[in-house]
Amino acid sequence: MIRFQYIIWVCIGLCSPVFILAWTEADNIANTPERSNYPAITTDNDGDVYVVWSEDYLEIGKIFYTHYDGLFWSEPIDISRNELWWPLYAPDIEVDGTGRIHVVWDCNSSEIYWSYCDGDTWSIPVNISNTPGGSTGPRTAIDRYGRIHLVWHDNTTGRCEVYYCMYDGESWQEPQRITNGIGEKKNFWPDTDVDSSGYTHVVWGHYGGTGSELDYWIQYSRYNGISWTSPVDILRIEGKHMAEADIVIDIEDHPHVVAEKWNYNGIYYTRYNGETWSEPYLIYEGNHAGRPDIAIEPSNGLGCVVWGCRYYRFFNDTIWDSAGCIVGPDGVLPSLTAGIGTFHLVWASGDIWYSKHTVTGIESLEDSLQKEIELKSIPNPFDSGIMVQFALFEKIGVVIKVYNALGQEVKVLVNDLLCSGPYEVVWDGKDNLGRTVSCGVYFLRFTTGEYIATQKLLKVR
């Protein structure tokens, strides 16, 4: 691939150079007197959004649930029926093709419970782990046949091991252990997703050794309904201890995995192309890491990774956008899901906060991502003119255009074959007919070869 090196400075203020519609401002969907934690989110085929989280209500653990129908969030309700002084953690949620809602959670780091809702009635929670050890960290996925796949980790054997069971629509199978820790090796915090054939894909953290020999990495296995593949090391980086991982299956049935570097200072990514796993790719390094989550839009394959609480990056195939930050309170434990043309995110910050991103606007899927372009801008909003500064390191065609919020072309600033060297281009705030544009949101798009960058602008006065 030809690599073009250039930098753009847009003199109008820092904003997130990603898609035409940004993430919505965060909305508090819990708003309860107790501290809310461990949110999980999913969507159904109609685009409705479902969220669960845990709370300590007067020191009694509760699992709360709410539903968004496209207009309003329902009043949060407790679905756990926990009348004992047990803490409840880490719920997860799925909706099957019939509209039945399934929720699992960890009770006192001891057992995994499940409840479902048909219509307005929630079932009595049922213990589905039933092991003598401590079971925790349940994660679920639903296949196209409506079966629920569940994984968690458990210390029944004296070591942390990963367990799996499936709900076939009528009953839960007996749990089966899918790892085999030997000696000091342990397995923890699994995640799962399913492909179009109903095969189950699982990742988990794995560690072994002591002292200076202690090492953490991520392993992967797949279940075809009969047997599990041998675990594969997929994110094992020398000197980089890896902790919690998350997995998603794309529209071609290929798994994508992200994982947090131990001590919350890095996020790594890898994917399987049907033959091999890609080399680990560092998508973020800094002090705002924390547990990541990943989702892929089901109609076009656009992916998104979130971490920390409000940080995100979009990707398509091997092309990554730059990192952005959603407007809202700082927090932890993000949970991300994707519907048709949308991404939905929740995170915990005392309450549970929600934001939505809609994929739309003037750009196609691949064009909407920045590709090896650095964008810097100061200040924003602007009221008169914009100066675009960029440098080319070879002769190449360059197109710079301004669009309005409806995706309509407003002004062509550059459309020419340019030689290498530095350039400055000014937009005076007028359209192609020489008329001064009104105040509002505009988008500057810089195109050269196969690379495109977009910057959101705000004109005032």
Protein backbone atom coordinates (compact mmCIF):
# COMPACT_ATOMS: atom_id res chain seq x y z
CA MET A 1 0.00 0.00 0.00
CA ILE A 2 1.22 3.48 -0.82
CA ARG A 3 1.59 5.56 2.34
CA PHE A 4 0.91 9.28 2.08
CA GLN A 5 2.35 11.43 4.84
CA TYR A 6 0.68 14.69 5.64
CA ILE A 7 -0.71 16.70 8.51
CA ILE A 8 -3.78 18.93 8.53
CA TRP A 9 -4.25 21.85 10.89
CA VAL A 10 -7.76 23.32 10.82
CA CYS A 11 -7.74 26.58 12.74
CA ILE A 12 -11.14 26.30 14.40
CA GLY A 13 -11.14 24.36 17.62
CA LEU A 14 -10.73 20.81 18.80
CA CYS A 15 -13.55 18.44 18.03
CA SER A 16 -13.85 14.78 17.26
CA PRO A 17 -13.03 14.11 13.57
CA VAL A 18 -15.16 11.07 13.04
CA PHE A 19 -18.65 10.68 11.59
CA ILE A 20 -21.28 13.12 10.46
CA LEU A 21 -23.42 12.59 13.54
CA ALA A 22 -21.49 12.53 16.81
CA TRP A 23 -22.35 10.60 19.96
CA THR A 24 -25.34 12.07 21.74
CA GLU A 25 -24.73 13.85 25.01
CA ALA A 26 -24.82 11.40 27.90
CA ASP A 27 -28.22 10.76 29.50
CA ASN A 28 -28.71 9.48 33.07
CA ILE A 29 -31.03 6.48 32.72
CA ALA A 30 -30.78 5.17 36.30
CA ASN A 31 -31.15 8.28 38.48
CA THR A 32 -31.60 6.26 41.66
CA PRO A 33 -30.49 7.15 45.23
CA GLU A 34 -28.14 4.17 45.45
CA ARG A 35 -24.83 3.72 43.62
CA SER A 36 -25.29 1.98 40.25
CA ASN A 37 -22.61 -0.26 38.75
CA TYR A 38 -21.84 -3.01 36.22
CA PRO A 39 -24.14 -1.95 33.35
CA ALA A 40 -24.86 -4.17 30.33
CA ILE A 41 -26.74 -3.26 27.15
CA THR A 42 -28.30 -4.96 24.13
CA THR A 43 -30.76 -4.22 21.30
CA ASP A 44 -33.47 -6.20 19.53
CA ASN A 45 -34.46 -6.51 15.87
CA ASP A 46 -36.73 -3.47 16.16
CA GLY A 47 -33.95 -1.24 17.47
CA ASP A 48 -35.24 -1.08 21.05
CA VAL A 49 -32.53 -0.83 23.71
CA TYR A 50 -32.37 -2.85 26.94
CA VAL A 51 -30.09 -2.13 29.92
CA VAL A 52 -29.41 -3.85 33.24
CA TRP A 53 -27.12 -2.94 36.13
CA SER A 54 -26.49 -3.75 39.78
CA GLU A 55 -27.10 -1.63 42.88
CA ASP A 56 -26.74 -1.96 46.64
CA TYR A 57 -30.10 -0.87 47.97
CA LEU A 58 -29.83 -0.43 51.76
CA GLU A 59 -26.89 -2.88 51.51
CA ILE A 60 -29.04 -5.49 49.74
CA GLY A 61 -27.92 -6.27 46.19
CA LYS A 62 -30.40 -5.53 43.41
CA ILE A 63 -30.42 -5.99 39.63
CA PHE A 64 -32.23 -3.15 37.85
CA TYR A 65 -33.66 -3.15 34.34
CA THR A 66 -34.87 -0.47 31.94
CA HIS A 67 -36.01 -0.43 28.30
CA TYR A 68 -35.93 2.29 25.61
CA ASP A 69 -38.61 2.07 22.90
CA GLY A 70 -37.19 4.86 20.73
CA LEU A 71 -39.09 7.59 22.57
CA PHE A 72 -38.85 7.01 26.31
CA TRP A 73 -36.91 5.02 28.90
CA SER A 74 -39.06 2.88 31.15
CA GLU A 75 -38.95 3.33 34.92
CA PRO A 76 -36.09 1.16 36.30
CA ILE A 77 -37.36 -1.93 38.13
CA ASP A 78 -35.69 -4.50 40.36
CA ILE A 79 -35.83 -7.94 38.72
CA SER A 80 -33.61 -9.88 41.15
CA ARG A 81 -36.06 -10.60 44.00
CA ASN A 82 -33.09 -10.69 46.36
CA GLU A 83 -34.45 -10.70 49.90
CA LEU A 84 -31.17 -11.73 51.53
CA TRP A 85 -28.14 -9.62 52.34
CA TRP A 86 -26.28 -10.78 49.25
CA PRO A 87 -24.38 -8.49 46.91
CA LEU A 88 -25.20 -8.97 43.22
CA TYR A 89 -22.70 -8.20 40.44
CA ALA A 90 -21.99 -8.14 36.74
CA PRO A 91 -25.37 -8.71 35.03
CA ASP A 92 -25.58 -9.39 31.30
CA ILE A 93 -28.61 -9.24 29.01
CA GLU A 94 -29.84 -10.70 25.71
CA VAL A 95 -33.13 -10.57 23.76
CA ASP A 96 -34.14 -13.54 21.61
CA GLY A 97 -36.12 -13.52 18.36
CA THR A 98 -39.44 -13.93 20.17
CA GLY A 99 -38.84 -10.83 22.27
CA ARG A 100 -38.08 -12.75 25.47
CA ILE A 101 -35.50 -10.90 27.59
CA HIS A 102 -32.82 -12.96 29.36
CA VAL A 103 -30.67 -11.62 32.22
CA VAL A 104 -27.90 -13.37 34.15
CA TRP A 105 -25.89 -12.13 37.12
CA ASP A 106 -23.37 -13.10 39.76
CA CYS A 107 -24.80 -13.63 43.25
CA ASN A 108 -22.25 -12.98 46.00
CA SER A 109 -19.38 -14.20 43.75
CA SER A 110 -20.80 -17.64 44.42
CA GLU A 111 -23.43 -18.64 41.87
CA ILE A 112 -24.80 -17.48 38.48
CA TYR A 113 -28.52 -16.72 38.38
CA TRP A 114 -30.85 -16.31 35.40
CA SER A 115 -34.24 -14.68 34.95
CA TYR A 116 -36.32 -14.01 31.85
CA CYS A 117 -39.25 -11.80 30.94
CA ASP A 118 -42.23 -12.62 28.70
CA GLY A 119 -44.29 -9.48 28.30
CA ASP A 120 -44.32 -7.67 31.66
CA THR A 121 -43.59 -10.56 34.02
CA TRP A 122 -40.11 -11.57 35.19
CA SER A 123 -39.50 -15.18 36.17
CA ILE A 124 -38.21 -16.27 39.57
CA PRO A 125 -34.38 -16.28 39.35
CA VAL A 126 -32.83 -19.72 38.88
CA ASN A 127 -29.34 -20.88 39.86
CA ILE A 128 -27.73 -22.22 36.68
CA SER A 129 -24.10 -22.68 37.76
CA ASN A 130 -24.64 -25.02 40.74
CA THR A 131 -20.98 -25.63 41.48
CA PRO A 132 -19.38 -25.99 44.93
CA GLY A 133 -16.91 -23.22 44.10
CA GLY A 134 -17.33 -19.52 43.58
CA SER A 135 -18.82 -18.61 40.19
CA THR A 136 -18.49 -15.05 38.88
CA GLY A 137 -18.23 -12.89 35.76
CA PRO A 138 -21.10 -14.23 33.60
CA ARG A 139 -21.17 -13.19 29.92
CA THR A 140 -23.78 -14.21 27.36
CA ALA A 141 -24.43 -14.35 23.62
CA ILE A 142 -27.49 -15.37 21.63
CA ASP A 143 -27.40 -17.22 18.31
CA ARG A 144 -29.82 -16.99 15.39
CA TYR A 145 -31.67 -20.05 16.69
CA GLY A 146 -32.53 -18.24 19.92
CA ARG A 147 -30.17 -20.25 22.10
CA ILE A 148 -28.39 -18.49 24.96
CA HIS A 149 -24.68 -19.22 25.41
CA LEU A 150 -23.20 -18.46 28.82
CA VAL A 151 -19.62 -18.43 30.14
CA TRP A 152 -18.15 -17.55 33.55
CA HIS A 153 -15.17 -18.42 35.71
CA ASP A 154 -15.26 -20.66 38.75
CA ASN A 155 -12.76 -21.88 41.37
CA THR A 156 -14.33 -25.28 42.12
CA THR A 157 -11.13 -27.13 41.19
CA GLY A 158 -9.01 -24.92 43.43
CA ARG A 159 -7.96 -22.84 40.42
CA CYS A 160 -9.91 -20.37 38.34
CA GLU A 161 -11.40 -22.18 35.33
CA VAL A 162 -13.79 -21.14 32.57
CA TYR A 163 -17.21 -22.82 32.40
CA TYR A 164 -19.86 -22.90 29.68
CA CYS A 165 -23.50 -23.89 29.36
CA MET A 166 -26.32 -23.31 26.87
CA TYR A 167 -30.05 -22.64 27.10
CA ASP A 168 -31.87 -24.32 24.21
CA GLY A 169 -35.18 -22.52 24.70
CA GLU A 170 -36.54 -25.00 27.21
CA SER A 171 -33.78 -25.82 29.70
CA TRP A 172 -30.14 -25.20 30.57
CA GLN A 173 -27.52 -27.84 29.83
CA GLU A 174 -25.18 -29.08 32.52
CA PRO A 175 -22.20 -26.70 32.89
CA GLN A 176 -18.99 -27.92 31.31
CA ARG A 177 -15.45 -26.82 32.08
CA ILE A 178 -13.65 -25.66 28.94
CA THR A 179 -10.20 -24.89 30.39
CA ASN A 180 -7.71 -27.06 32.19
CA GLY A 181 -5.40 -25.01 34.34
CA ILE A 182 -2.33 -26.95 35.43
CA GLY A 183 -0.20 -26.07 38.43
CA GLU A 184 -0.19 -22.30 38.92
CA LYS A 185 -2.04 -21.57 35.66
CA LYS A 186 -5.44 -19.93 36.03
CA ASN A 187 -8.20 -18.75 33.70
CA PHE A 188 -10.48 -15.83 34.38
CA TRP A 189 -12.98 -13.22 33.05
CA PRO A 190 -14.22 -14.92 29.87
CA ASP A 191 -16.35 -13.37 27.13
CA THR A 192 -18.30 -15.01 24.31
CA ASP A 193 -20.04 -14.45 21.00
CA VAL A 194 -21.59 -16.73 18.37
CA ASP A 195 -21.33 -16.92 14.59
CA SER A 196 -23.99 -17.51 11.93
CA SER A 197 -23.60 -21.31 12.27
CA GLY A 198 -24.33 -21.15 16.00
CA TYR A 199 -20.71 -21.95 16.91
CA THR A 200 -19.55 -20.46 20.21
CA HIS A 201 -16.36 -18.37 20.39
CA VAL A 202 -14.80 -17.68 23.80
CA VAL A 203 -11.84 -15.62 25.01
CA TRP A 204 -10.47 -15.36 28.53
CA GLY A 205 -7.53 -14.16 30.56
CA HIS A 206 -4.88 -16.75 31.35
CA TYR A 207 -1.92 -16.49 33.66
CA GLY A 208 0.77 -18.63 35.14
CA GLY A 209 4.10 -18.52 36.89
CA THR A 210 5.25 -16.69 40.00
CA GLY A 211 7.44 -13.71 40.78
CA SER A 212 9.42 -12.45 37.80
CA GLU A 213 8.08 -15.38 35.72
CA LEU A 214 4.43 -14.35 36.20
CA ASP A 215 2.73 -13.66 32.87
CA TYR A 216 -0.81 -12.78 31.75
CA TRP A 217 -2.22 -13.24 28.26
CA ILE A 218 -5.45 -13.90 26.34
CA GLN A 219 -6.58 -17.29 25.02
CA TYR A 220 -9.29 -18.29 22.55
CA SER A 221 -11.34 -21.42 21.81
CA ARG A 222 -14.33 -22.30 19.62
CA TYR A 223 -17.14 -24.81 20.20
CA ASN A 224 -19.02 -26.42 17.29
CA GLY A 225 -21.62 -28.07 19.49
CA ILE A 226 -19.56 -31.24 19.83
CA SER A 227 -16.05 -30.32 20.92
CA TRP A 228 -13.86 -27.36 21.80
CA THR A 229 -10.76 -26.42 19.85
CA SER A 230 -7.48 -26.38 21.74
CA PRO A 231 -6.90 -22.99 23.39
CA VAL A 232 -4.83 -20.59 21.27
CA ASP A 233 -2.69 -17.73 22.62
CA ILE A 234 -3.93 -14.67 20.71
CA LEU A 235 -2.77 -11.67 22.72
CA ARG A 236 0.51 -12.67 24.31
CA ILE A 237 2.98 -9.82 24.19
CA GLU A 238 6.34 -9.97 25.89
CA GLY A 239 6.43 -7.60 28.83
CA LYS A 240 2.73 -6.67 28.42
CA HIS A 241 0.43 -8.35 30.94
CA MET A 242 -3.06 -8.65 29.44
CA ALA A 243 -6.20 -8.67 31.60
CA GLU A 244 -9.88 -8.65 30.59
CA ALA A 245 -10.82 -9.32 26.95
CA ASP A 246 -13.96 -8.87 24.87
CA ILE A 247 -14.91 -10.63 21.63
CA VAL A 248 -17.32 -9.92 18.75
CA ILE A 249 -18.02 -11.89 15.56
CA ASP A 250 -18.31 -9.88 12.32
CA ILE A 251 -20.65 -10.40 9.36
CA GLU A 252 -18.11 -12.79 7.78
CA ASP A 253 -17.97 -14.92 10.96
CA HIS A 254 -14.49 -13.69 11.88
CA PRO A 255 -13.77 -12.96 15.55
CA HIS A 256 -12.34 -9.63 16.72
CA VAL A 257 -10.83 -9.34 20.20
CA VAL A 258 -9.77 -6.40 22.36
CA ALA A 259 -8.06 -6.63 25.72
CA GLU A 260 -6.90 -4.34 28.46
CA LYS A 261 -3.25 -4.15 29.37
CA TRP A 262 -2.78 -4.77 33.07
CA ASN A 263 -2.73 -1.61 35.24
CA TYR A 264 -5.21 0.17 32.95
CA ASN A 265 -2.73 1.84 30.61
CA GLY A 266 -3.25 0.23 27.21
CA ILE A 267 -5.80 -1.40 24.88
CA TYR A 268 -4.76 -4.03 22.31
CA TYR A 269 -6.70 -5.53 19.38
CA THR A 270 -6.43 -8.61 17.18
CA ARG A 271 -8.68 -10.37 14.67
CA TYR A 272 -8.89 -13.71 12.90
CA ASN A 273 -9.19 -13.67 9.08
CA GLY A 274 -10.12 -17.33 8.70
CA GLU A 275 -6.51 -18.53 8.63
CA THR A 276 -4.40 -16.61 11.12
CA TRP A 277 -4.69 -14.11 13.95
CA SER A 278 -3.34 -10.65 13.23
CA GLU A 279 -0.40 -9.19 15.11
CA PRO A 280 -1.54 -7.36 18.27
CA TYR A 281 -2.35 -3.73 17.47
CA LEU A 282 -2.06 -1.04 20.15
CA ILE A 283 -5.16 1.10 19.72
CA TYR A 284 -4.67 3.18 22.87
CA GLU A 285 -1.94 3.84 25.41
CA GLY A 286 -2.44 6.17 28.36
CA ASN A 287 -3.98 6.59 31.77
CA HIS A 288 -7.62 6.26 30.70
CA ALA A 289 -7.67 2.60 29.64
CA GLY A 290 -9.70 0.19 31.76
CA ARG A 291 -11.92 -2.64 30.57
CA PRO A 292 -12.70 -2.41 26.82
CA ASP A 293 -15.76 -3.48 24.86
CA ILE A 294 -16.18 -4.00 21.12
CA ALA A 295 -19.17 -4.11 18.76
CA ILE A 296 -19.67 -4.33 14.97
CA GLU A 297 -22.61 -2.82 13.10
CA PRO A 298 -24.43 -5.82 11.57
CA SER A 299 -25.29 -4.40 8.13
CA ASN A 300 -21.99 -2.89 7.00
CA GLY A 301 -19.24 -4.21 9.24
CA LEU A 302 -18.26 -0.91 10.87
CA GLY A 303 -16.62 -1.61 14.23
CA CYS A 304 -16.21 0.38 17.41
CA VAL A 305 -14.11 -0.12 20.52
CA VAL A 306 -14.79 1.69 23.80
CA TRP A 307 -12.71 1.72 26.96
CA GLY A 308 -12.26 3.47 30.28
CA CYS A 309 -15.66 5.08 30.32
CA ARG A 310 -16.13 7.47 27.40
CA TYR A 311 -13.25 6.84 24.98
CA TYR A 312 -13.76 5.21 21.61
CA ARG A 313 -12.27 4.40 18.20
CA PHE A 314 -14.06 3.31 15.03
CA PHE A 315 -12.54 0.84 12.56
CA ASN A 316 -13.29 -0.93 9.31
CA ASP A 317 -11.14 -3.88 8.31
CA THR A 318 -7.60 -2.67 9.13
CA ILE A 319 -8.38 1.06 8.96
CA TRP A 320 -8.76 2.90 12.28
CA ASP A 321 -10.16 6.31 13.10
CA SER A 322 -8.47 8.44 15.76
CA ALA A 323 -9.63 8.20 19.38
CA GLY A 324 -12.48 10.37 20.64
CA CYS A 325 -14.21 11.13 23.92
CA ILE A 326 -17.97 11.28 24.51
CA VAL A 327 -19.48 14.25 26.34
CA GLY A 328 -20.52 13.06 29.79
CA PRO A 329 -19.30 12.24 33.29
CA ASP A 330 -16.19 10.15 33.87
CA GLY A 331 -16.87 6.59 34.88
CA VAL A 332 -16.01 2.92 34.45
CA LEU A 333 -17.20 -0.39 33.02
CA PRO A 334 -18.50 0.55 29.55
CA SER A 335 -20.88 -1.79 27.73
CA LEU A 336 -21.37 -1.39 23.97
CA THR A 337 -23.81 -2.88 21.47
CA ALA A 338 -24.64 -2.22 17.81
CA GLY A 339 -27.91 -2.16 15.92
CA ILE A 340 -28.62 -1.35 12.28
CA GLY A 341 -26.87 1.97 11.68
CA THR A 342 -26.34 2.66 15.39
CA PHE A 343 -24.05 2.08 18.34
CA HIS A 344 -25.37 2.22 21.91
CA LEU A 345 -23.12 2.72 24.95
CA VAL A 346 -23.68 2.70 28.71
CA TRP A 347 -21.23 3.17 31.56
CA ALA A 348 -21.25 3.60 35.33
CA SER A 349 -20.56 6.87 37.13
CA GLY A 350 -22.61 6.70 40.30
CA ASP A 351 -25.64 6.39 38.02
CA ILE A 352 -25.85 4.68 34.63
CA TRP A 353 -25.20 6.91 31.62
CA TYR A 354 -26.24 6.28 28.02
CA SER A 355 -25.10 7.66 24.66
CA LYS A 356 -25.94 6.75 21.07
CA HIS A 357 -24.03 7.11 17.80
CA THR A 358 -25.81 7.05 14.44
CA VAL A 359 -23.84 6.10 11.32
CA THR A 360 -25.06 8.41 8.57
CA GLY A 361 -24.18 11.56 6.60
CA ILE A 362 -22.11 12.46 3.57
CA GLU A 363 -19.52 9.74 3.82
CA SER A 364 -19.54 6.11 2.85
CA LEU A 365 -18.42 3.57 5.41
CA GLU A 366 -14.80 3.35 4.35
CA ASP A 367 -14.52 7.04 3.52
CA SER A 368 -15.75 8.07 6.91
CA LEU A 369 -12.64 6.86 8.68
CA GLN A 370 -9.48 8.87 8.99
CA LYS A 371 -6.62 6.99 7.43
CA GLU A 372 -3.19 7.87 8.79
CA ILE A 373 -4.08 11.56 9.08
CA GLU A 374 -3.45 13.74 12.09
CA LEU A 375 -6.06 16.44 12.67
CA LYS A 376 -5.51 19.46 14.91
CA SER A 377 -7.78 22.47 15.24
CA ILE A 378 -7.91 25.75 17.21
CA PRO A 379 -10.22 27.41 18.11
CA ASN A 380 -13.84 26.34 17.75
CA PRO A 381 -16.46 27.85 17.24
CA PHE A 382 -15.33 30.25 14.49
CA ASP A 383 -16.98 33.35 13.09
CA SER A 384 -15.06 34.46 9.99
CA GLY A 385 -12.49 32.26 8.30
CA ILE A 386 -10.73 28.93 8.38
CA MET A 387 -7.13 28.23 7.44
CA VAL A 388 -6.23 24.69 6.42
CA GLN A 389 -2.53 23.92 6.51
CA PHE A 390 -1.16 20.67 5.12
CA ALA A 391 2.05 19.25 3.70
CA LEU A 392 2.41 16.78 0.84
CA PHE A 393 5.44 14.56 0.45
CA GLU A 394 4.72 13.62 -3.14
CA LYS A 395 2.69 14.82 -6.11
CA ILE A 396 -0.93 13.80 -5.64
CA GLY A 397 -4.50 14.93 -6.24
CA VAL A 398 -6.11 16.81 -3.36
CA VAL A 399 -9.78 17.68 -2.83
CA ILE A 400 -10.96 19.85 0.06
CA LYS A 401 -14.69 20.55 0.34
CA VAL A 402 -17.10 21.97 2.89
CA TYR A 403 -20.53 20.38 3.45
CA ASN A 404 -23.52 21.41 5.53
CA ALA A 405 -25.23 19.23 8.14
CA LEU A 406 -27.49 17.70 5.47
CA GLY A 407 -24.50 16.44 3.51
CA GLN A 408 -24.91 19.05 0.75
CA GLU A 409 -21.80 20.54 -0.81
CA VAL A 410 -21.27 24.16 0.24
CA LYS A 411 -17.80 25.10 -1.01
CA VAL A 412 -14.99 23.53 -3.02
CA LEU A 413 -11.72 24.83 -1.61
CA VAL A 414 -9.28 22.64 -3.56
CA ASN A 415 -9.67 20.19 -6.44
CA ASP A 416 -6.27 19.92 -8.09
CA LEU A 417 -3.11 17.91 -8.62
CA LEU A 418 -0.57 19.35 -6.20
CA CYS A 419 3.18 18.93 -5.99
CA SER A 420 4.97 18.07 -2.76
CA GLY A 421 5.37 20.86 -0.25
CA PRO A 422 3.44 22.90 2.34
CA TYR A 423 0.09 24.54 1.54
CA GLU A 424 -2.35 26.95 3.15
CA VAL A 425 -5.99 27.21 2.07
CA VAL A 426 -8.51 29.69 3.48
CA TRP A 427 -12.29 29.41 3.53
CA ASP A 428 -13.92 32.80 3.94
CA GLY A 429 -17.26 31.44 5.09
CA LYS A 430 -18.95 31.76 1.68
CA ASP A 431 -20.52 29.13 -0.56
CA ASN A 432 -19.75 28.32 -4.21
CA LEU A 433 -22.01 31.23 -5.31
CA GLY A 434 -20.24 33.75 -3.10
CA ARG A 435 -22.98 33.94 -0.47
CA THR A 436 -22.06 34.09 3.22
CA VAL A 437 -23.25 30.93 4.89
CA SER A 438 -25.49 30.97 7.95
CA CYS A 439 -24.44 29.98 11.43
CA GLY A 440 -24.48 26.27 12.21
CA VAL A 441 -22.63 22.98 11.84
CA TYR A 442 -20.45 22.31 8.76
CA PHE A 443 -18.02 19.57 7.79
CA LEU A 444 -14.63 19.99 6.16
CA ARG A 445 -13.51 16.95 4.16
CA PHE A 446 -9.91 16.51 3.04
CA THR A 447 -9.33 13.82 0.37
CA THR A 448 -6.07 12.68 -1.18
CA GLY A 449 -5.76 9.36 -3.00
CA GLU A 450 -7.58 6.75 -0.94
CA TYR A 451 -7.29 8.71 2.30
CA ILE A 452 -10.06 10.90 3.70
CA ALA A 453 -10.38 12.98 6.86
CA THR A 454 -13.45 14.84 8.09
CA GLN A 455 -13.64 17.68 10.62
CA LYS A 456 -16.79 19.02 12.26
CA LEU A 457 -16.99 22.84 12.31
CA LEU A 458 -19.32 25.26 14.08
CA LYS A 459 -19.91 28.74 12.63
CA VAL A 460 -21.30 31.42 14.93
CA ARG A 461 -22.40 35.04 14.44
